[in-house]
PDB file of N, CA and C in Angstrom:
ATOM      1  N   UNK A   1      20.936   3.110  -2.836  1.00  0.00           N
ATOM      2  CA  UNK A   1      20.997   1.879  -1.967  1.00  0.00           C
ATOM      3  C   UNK A   1      19.624   1.176  -2.043  1.00  0.00           C
ATOM      4  N   UNK A   2      19.655  -0.067  -2.226  1.00  0.00           N
ATOM      5  CA  UNK A   2      17.970  -0.572  -2.344  1.00  0.00           C
ATOM      6  C   UNK A   2      17.506  -0.888  -1.400  1.00  0.00           C
ATOM      7  N   UNK A   3      16.180  -0.902  -1.467  1.00  0.00           N
ATOM      8  CA  UNK A   3      15.537  -0.997   0.018  1.00  0.00           C
ATOM      9  C   UNK A   3      15.331  -2.656   0.381  1.00  0.00           C
ATOM     10  N   UNK A   4      15.596  -2.985   1.611  1.00  0.00           N
ATOM     11  CA  UNK A   4      15.609  -4.424   1.960  1.00  0.00           C
ATOM     12  C   UNK A   4      14.103  -4.849   2.195  1.00  0.00           C
ATOM     13  N   UNK A   5      14.113  -6.093   2.115  1.00  0.00           N
ATOM     14  CA  UNK A   5      12.742  -6.802   2.173  1.00  0.00           C
ATOM     15  C   UNK A   5      12.091  -6.406   3.553  1.00  0.00           C
ATOM     16  N   UNK A   6      12.972  -6.200   4.630  1.00  0.00           N
ATOM     17  CA  UNK A   6      12.356  -5.820   5.935  1.00  0.00           C
ATOM     18  C   UNK A   6      11.850  -4.313   5.977  1.00  0.00           C
ATOM     19  N   UNK A   7      12.524  -3.368   5.262  1.00  0.00           N
ATOM     20  CA  UNK A   7      12.189  -2.251   5.119  1.00  0.00           C
ATOM     21  C   UNK A   7      11.011  -2.025   4.402  1.00  0.00           C
ATOM     22  N   UNK A   8      10.912  -2.712   3.247  1.00  0.00           N
ATOM     23  CA  UNK A   8       9.796  -2.577   2.249  1.00  0.00           C
ATOM     24  C   UNK A   8       8.546  -2.937   3.024  1.00  0.00           C
ATOM     25  N   UNK A   9       8.635  -4.244   3.775  1.00  0.00           N
ATOM     26  CA  UNK A   9       7.707  -4.683   4.556  1.00  0.00           C
ATOM     27  C   UNK A   9       7.091  -3.442   5.522  1.00  0.00           C
ATOM     28  N   UNK A  10       8.020  -2.881   6.305  1.00  0.00           N
ATOM     29  CA  UNK A  10       7.799  -1.759   7.238  1.00  0.00           C
ATOM     30  C   UNK A  10       6.868  -0.814   6.524  1.00  0.00           C
ATOM     31  N   UNK A  11       7.268  -0.362   5.215  1.00  0.00           N
ATOM     32  CA  UNK A  11       6.880   0.787   4.624  1.00  0.00           C
ATOM     33  C   UNK A  11       5.331   0.494   4.007  1.00  0.00           C
ATOM     34  N   UNK A  12       5.153  -0.945   3.669  1.00  0.00           N
ATOM     35  CA  UNK A  12       3.908  -1.437   3.292  1.00  0.00           C
ATOM     36  C   UNK A  12       2.856  -1.432   4.517  1.00  0.00           C
ATOM     37  N   UNK A  13       3.311  -1.770   5.772  1.00  0.00           N
ATOM     38  CA  UNK A  13       2.699  -1.643   6.918  1.00  0.00           C
ATOM     39  C   UNK A  13       2.083  -0.299   7.273  1.00  0.00           C
ATOM     40  N   UNK A  14       3.104   0.722   7.060  1.00  0.00           N
ATOM     41  CA  UNK A  14       2.596   2.043   7.404  1.00  0.00           C
ATOM     42  C   UNK A  14       1.356   2.466   6.425  1.00  0.00           C
ATOM     43  N   UNK A  15       1.501   2.002   5.311  1.00  0.00           N
ATOM     44  CA  UNK A  15       0.561   2.442   4.279  1.00  0.00           C
ATOM     45  C   UNK A  15      -0.668   1.658   4.557  1.00  0.00           C
ATOM     46  N   UNK A  16      -0.624   0.544   5.030  1.00  0.00           N
ATOM     47  CA  UNK A  16      -2.026   0.088   5.608  1.00  0.00           C
ATOM     48  C   UNK A  16      -2.483   0.426   6.974  1.00  0.00           C
ATOM     49  N   UNK A  17      -1.749   0.922   7.747  1.00  0.00           N
ATOM     50  CA  UNK A  17      -2.232   1.554   8.855  1.00  0.00           C
ATOM     51  C   UNK A  17      -2.872   2.896   8.509  1.00  0.00           C
ATOM     52  N   UNK A  18      -2.139   3.593   7.666  1.00  0.00           N
ATOM     53  CA  UNK A  18      -2.677   5.039   7.071  1.00  0.00           C
ATOM     54  C   UNK A  18      -4.193   4.935   6.514  1.00  0.00           C
ATOM     55  N   UNK A  19      -4.305   3.507   5.544  1.00  0.00           N
ATOM     56  CA  UNK A  19      -5.590   3.444   5.198  1.00  0.00           C
ATOM     57  C   UNK A  19      -6.614   3.177   6.256  1.00  0.00           C
ATOM     58  N   UNK A  20      -6.357   2.208   7.220  1.00  0.00           N
ATOM     59  CA  UNK A  20      -7.159   2.041   8.311  1.00  0.00           C
ATOM     60  C   UNK A  20      -7.556   3.230   9.055  1.00  0.00           C
ATOM     61  N   UNK A  21      -6.524   4.286   9.023  1.00  0.00           N
ATOM     62  CA  UNK A  21      -6.941   5.427   9.783  1.00  0.00           C
ATOM     63  C   UNK A  21      -7.558   6.628   8.987  1.00  0.00           C
ATOM     64  N   UNK A  22      -7.854   6.187   7.555  1.00  0.00           N
ATOM     65  CA  UNK A  22      -8.816   7.022   6.902  1.00  0.00           C
ATOM     66  C   UNK A  22      -7.977   8.003   5.796  1.00  0.00           C
ATOM     67  N   UNK A  23      -6.525   7.524   5.616  1.00  0.00           N
ATOM     68  CA  UNK A  23      -6.083   8.515   4.725  1.00  0.00           C
ATOM     69  C   UNK A  23      -6.310   8.321   3.269  1.00  0.00           C
ATOM     70  N   UNK A  24      -6.342   9.349   2.346  1.00  0.00           N
ATOM     71  CA  UNK A  24      -6.753   9.075   1.160  1.00  0.00           C
ATOM     72  C   UNK A  24      -5.514   9.112   0.155  1.00  0.00           C
ATOM     73  N   UNK A  25      -4.539   9.927   0.354  1.00  0.00           N
ATOM     74  CA  UNK A  25      -3.241  10.116  -0.496  1.00  0.00           C
ATOM     75  C   UNK A  25      -2.083   9.348   0.219  1.00  0.00           C
ATOM     76  N   UNK A  26      -1.881   8.224  -0.435  1.00  0.00           N
ATOM     77  CA  UNK A  26      -0.893   7.394  -0.003  1.00  0.00           C
ATOM     78  C   UNK A  26       0.047   6.906  -0.972  1.00  0.00           C
ATOM     79  N   UNK A  27       1.397   7.080  -0.845  1.00  0.00           N
ATOM     80  CA  UNK A  27       2.302   6.834  -2.045  1.00  0.00           C
ATOM     81  C   UNK A  27       2.808   5.442  -2.027  1.00  0.00           C
ATOM     82  N   UNK A  28       2.938   4.992  -2.912  1.00  0.00           N
ATOM     83  CA  UNK A  28       3.601   3.815  -3.261  1.00  0.00           C
ATOM     84  C   UNK A  28       4.875   3.472  -2.432  1.00  0.00           C
ATOM     85  N   UNK A  29       4.911   2.535  -1.596  1.00  0.00           N
ATOM     86  CA  UNK A  29       6.307   2.203  -0.789  1.00  0.00           C
ATOM     87  C   UNK A  29       7.488   1.687  -1.508  1.00  0.00           C
ATOM     88  N   UNK A  30       7.456   1.469  -3.050  1.00  0.00           N
ATOM     89  CA  UNK A  30       8.403   1.161  -3.585  1.00  0.00           C
ATOM     90  C   UNK A  30       9.476   2.330  -3.757  1.00  0.00           C
ATOM     91  N   UNK A  31      10.716   1.772  -3.839  1.00  0.00           N
ATOM     92  CA  UNK A  31      11.897   2.970  -3.961  1.00  0.00           C
ATOM     93  C   UNK A  31      11.720   3.677  -5.360  1.00  0.00           C
ATOM     94  N   UNK A  32      11.668   5.033  -5.357  1.00  0.00           N
ATOM     95  CA  UNK A  32      11.708   5.654  -6.520  1.00  0.00           C
ATOM     96  C   UNK A  32      10.225   5.731  -7.159  1.00  0.00           C
ATOM     97  N   UNK A  33       9.232   5.329  -6.447  1.00  0.00           N
ATOM     98  CA  UNK A  33       8.021   5.328  -6.937  1.00  0.00           C
ATOM     99  C   UNK A  33       7.089   6.575  -6.344  1.00  0.00           C
ATOM    100  N   UNK A  34       6.594   7.266  -7.184  1.00  0.00           N
ATOM    101  CA  UNK A  34       5.734   8.569  -6.393  1.00  0.00           C
ATOM    102  C   UNK A  34       4.245   8.298  -6.829  1.00  0.00           C
ATOM    103  N   UNK A  35       3.928   7.065  -7.233  1.00  0.00           N
ATOM    104  CA  UNK A  35       2.353   6.942  -7.771  1.00  0.00           C
ATOM    105  C   UNK A  35       1.733   6.857  -6.325  1.00  0.00           C
ATOM    106  N   UNK A  36       0.461   7.396  -6.577  1.00  0.00           N
ATOM    107  CA  UNK A  36      -0.594   7.366  -5.448  1.00  0.00           C
ATOM    108  C   UNK A  36      -1.155   5.796  -5.537  1.00  0.00           C
ATOM    109  N   UNK A  37      -1.298   5.446  -4.340  1.00  0.00           N
ATOM    110  CA  UNK A  37      -1.939   4.163  -4.404  1.00  0.00           C
ATOM    111  C   UNK A  37      -3.534   4.150  -4.457  1.00  0.00           C
ATOM    112  N   UNK A  38      -4.258   3.006  -4.857  1.00  0.00           N
ATOM    113  CA  UNK A  38      -5.744   3.130  -5.106  1.00  0.00           C
ATOM    114  C   UNK A  38      -5.874   2.088  -4.074  1.00  0.00           C
ATOM    115  N   UNK A  39      -7.196   2.369  -3.593  1.00  0.00           N
ATOM    116  CA  UNK A  39      -7.590   1.574  -2.317  1.00  0.00           C
ATOM    117  C   UNK A  39      -9.007   0.941  -2.713  1.00  0.00           C
ATOM    118  N   UNK A  40      -9.046  -0.183  -2.538  1.00  0.00           N
ATOM    119  CA  UNK A  40     -10.586  -1.008  -2.719  1.00  0.00           C
ATOM    120  C   UNK A  40     -10.920  -1.644  -1.695  1.00  0.00           C
ATOM    121  N   UNK A  41     -12.163  -1.163  -1.093  1.00  0.00           N
ATOM    122  CA  UNK A  41     -12.926  -1.997  -0.203  1.00  0.00           C
ATOM    123  C   UNK A  41     -13.921  -2.449  -0.592  1.00  0.00           C
ATOM    124  N   UNK A  42     -14.126  -3.750  -0.751  1.00  0.00           N
ATOM    125  CA  UNK A  42     -15.118  -4.643  -1.441  1.00  0.00           C
ATOM    126  C   UNK A  42     -16.213  -4.931  -0.214  1.00  0.00           C
ATOM    127  N   UNK A  43     -15.825  -5.620   0.683  1.00  0.00           N
ATOM    128  CA  UNK A  43     -17.004  -5.654   1.780  1.00  0.00           C
ATOM    129  C   UNK A  43     -15.972  -6.341   2.871  1.00  0.00           C
ATOM    130  N   UNK A  44     -16.819  -6.738   4.005  1.00  0.00           N
ATOM    131  CA  UNK A  44     -16.065  -6.800   5.278  1.00  0.00           C
ATOM    132  C   UNK A  44     -15.452  -8.174   4.880  1.00  0.00           C
ATOM    133  N   UNK A  45     -16.183  -9.295   4.410  1.00  0.00           N
ATOM    134  CA  UNK A  45     -15.413 -10.565   4.201  1.00  0.00           C
ATOM    135  C   UNK A  45     -14.227 -10.539   3.121  1.00  0.00           C
ATOM    136  N   UNK A  46     -14.214  -9.575   2.147  1.00  0.00           N
ATOM    137  CA  UNK A  46     -13.310  -9.639   0.984  1.00  0.00           C
ATOM    138  C   UNK A  46     -12.189  -8.744   1.547  1.00  0.00           C
ATOM    139  N   UNK A  47     -12.318  -7.749   2.256  1.00  0.00           N
ATOM    140  CA  UNK A  47     -11.528  -6.907   2.904  1.00  0.00           C
ATOM    141  C   UNK A  47     -11.029  -5.656   2.150  1.00  0.00           C
ATOM    142  N   UNK A  48      -9.777  -5.350   2.149  1.00  0.00           N
ATOM    143  CA  UNK A  48      -9.213  -4.211   1.459  1.00  0.00           C
ATOM    144  C   UNK A  48      -7.988  -4.570   0.566  1.00  0.00           C
ATOM    145  N   UNK A  49      -8.164  -3.955  -0.633  1.00  0.00           N
ATOM    146  CA  UNK A  49      -6.729  -4.351  -1.626  1.00  0.00           C
ATOM    147  C   UNK A  49      -6.140  -2.890  -1.676  1.00  0.00           C
ATOM    148  N   UNK A  50      -4.979  -2.742  -1.794  1.00  0.00           N
ATOM    149  CA  UNK A  50      -3.997  -1.688  -2.078  1.00  0.00           C
ATOM    150  C   UNK A  50      -3.481  -1.961  -3.241  1.00  0.00           C
ATOM    151  N   UNK A  51      -3.383  -0.932  -4.190  1.00  0.00           N
ATOM    152  CA  UNK A  51      -2.817  -1.171  -5.489  1.00  0.00           C
ATOM    153  C   UNK A  51      -2.125  -0.028  -5.932  1.00  0.00           C
ATOM    154  N   UNK A  52      -0.965  -0.394  -6.662  1.00  0.00           N
ATOM    155  CA  UNK A  52      -0.153   0.557  -7.182  1.00  0.00           C
ATOM    156  C   UNK A  52      -0.205   0.475  -8.793  1.00  0.00           C
ATOM    157  N   UNK A  53      -0.367   1.565  -9.564  1.00  0.00           N
ATOM    158  CA  UNK A  53      -0.771   1.469 -10.946  1.00  0.00           C
ATOM    159  C   UNK A  53       0.583   0.706 -11.666  1.00  0.00           C
ATOM    160  N   UNK A  54       1.889   0.900 -11.084  1.00  0.00           N
ATOM    161  CA  UNK A  54       3.054   0.637 -11.766  1.00  0.00           C
ATOM    162  C   UNK A  54       3.512  -0.987 -11.132  1.00  0.00           C
ATOM    163  N   UNK A  55       3.359  -1.190  -9.834  1.00  0.00           N
ATOM    164  CA  UNK A  55       3.694  -2.359  -9.272  1.00  0.00           C
ATOM    165  C   UNK A  55       2.530  -3.213  -8.933  1.00  0.00           C
ATOM    166  N   UNK A  56       1.434  -3.030  -9.221  1.00  0.00           N
ATOM    167  CA  UNK A  56       0.349  -4.037  -9.074  1.00  0.00           C
ATOM    168  C   UNK A  56      -0.136  -4.030  -7.460  1.00  0.00           C
ATOM    169  N   UNK A  57      -0.584  -5.197  -7.233  1.00  0.00           N
ATOM    170  CA  UNK A  57      -1.144  -5.185  -5.698  1.00  0.00           C
ATOM    171  C   UNK A  57      -0.045  -5.223  -4.664  1.00  0.00           C
ATOM    172  N   UNK A  58       0.005  -4.118  -3.641  1.00  0.00           N
ATOM    173  CA  UNK A  58       0.819  -4.077  -2.727  1.00  0.00           C
ATOM    174  C   UNK A  58       0.348  -4.924  -1.592  1.00  0.00           C
ATOM    175  N   UNK A  59      -1.009  -4.860  -1.118  1.00  0.00           N
ATOM    176  CA  UNK A  59      -1.526  -5.531   0.002  1.00  0.00           C
ATOM    177  C   UNK A  59      -2.957  -6.069  -0.145  1.00  0.00           C
ATOM    178  N   UNK A  60      -3.226  -7.228   0.203  1.00  0.00           N
ATOM    179  CA  UNK A  60      -4.542  -7.646   0.247  1.00  0.00           C
ATOM    180  C   UNK A  60      -4.985  -8.119   1.581  1.00  0.00           C
ATOM    181  N   UNK A  61      -6.270  -7.915   1.957  1.00  0.00           N
ATOM    182  CA  UNK A  61      -6.470  -8.798   3.335  1.00  0.00           C
ATOM    183  C   UNK A  61      -7.855  -9.161   3.298  1.00  0.00           C
TER     184      UNK A  61
END
């Protein structure tokens, strides 16, 4: 069964919250993807970018 847009958005938000809490090992929220996400925090103004090596940018604030 494919992931709906809403369930994918919820999983992305869980990853964002985990990053904000300081988690380091976060798995990509895409279905059947076990890649660890890379987190880039550049500055307060630029924010945080969460990237999957297979799917690209997952979240940018």
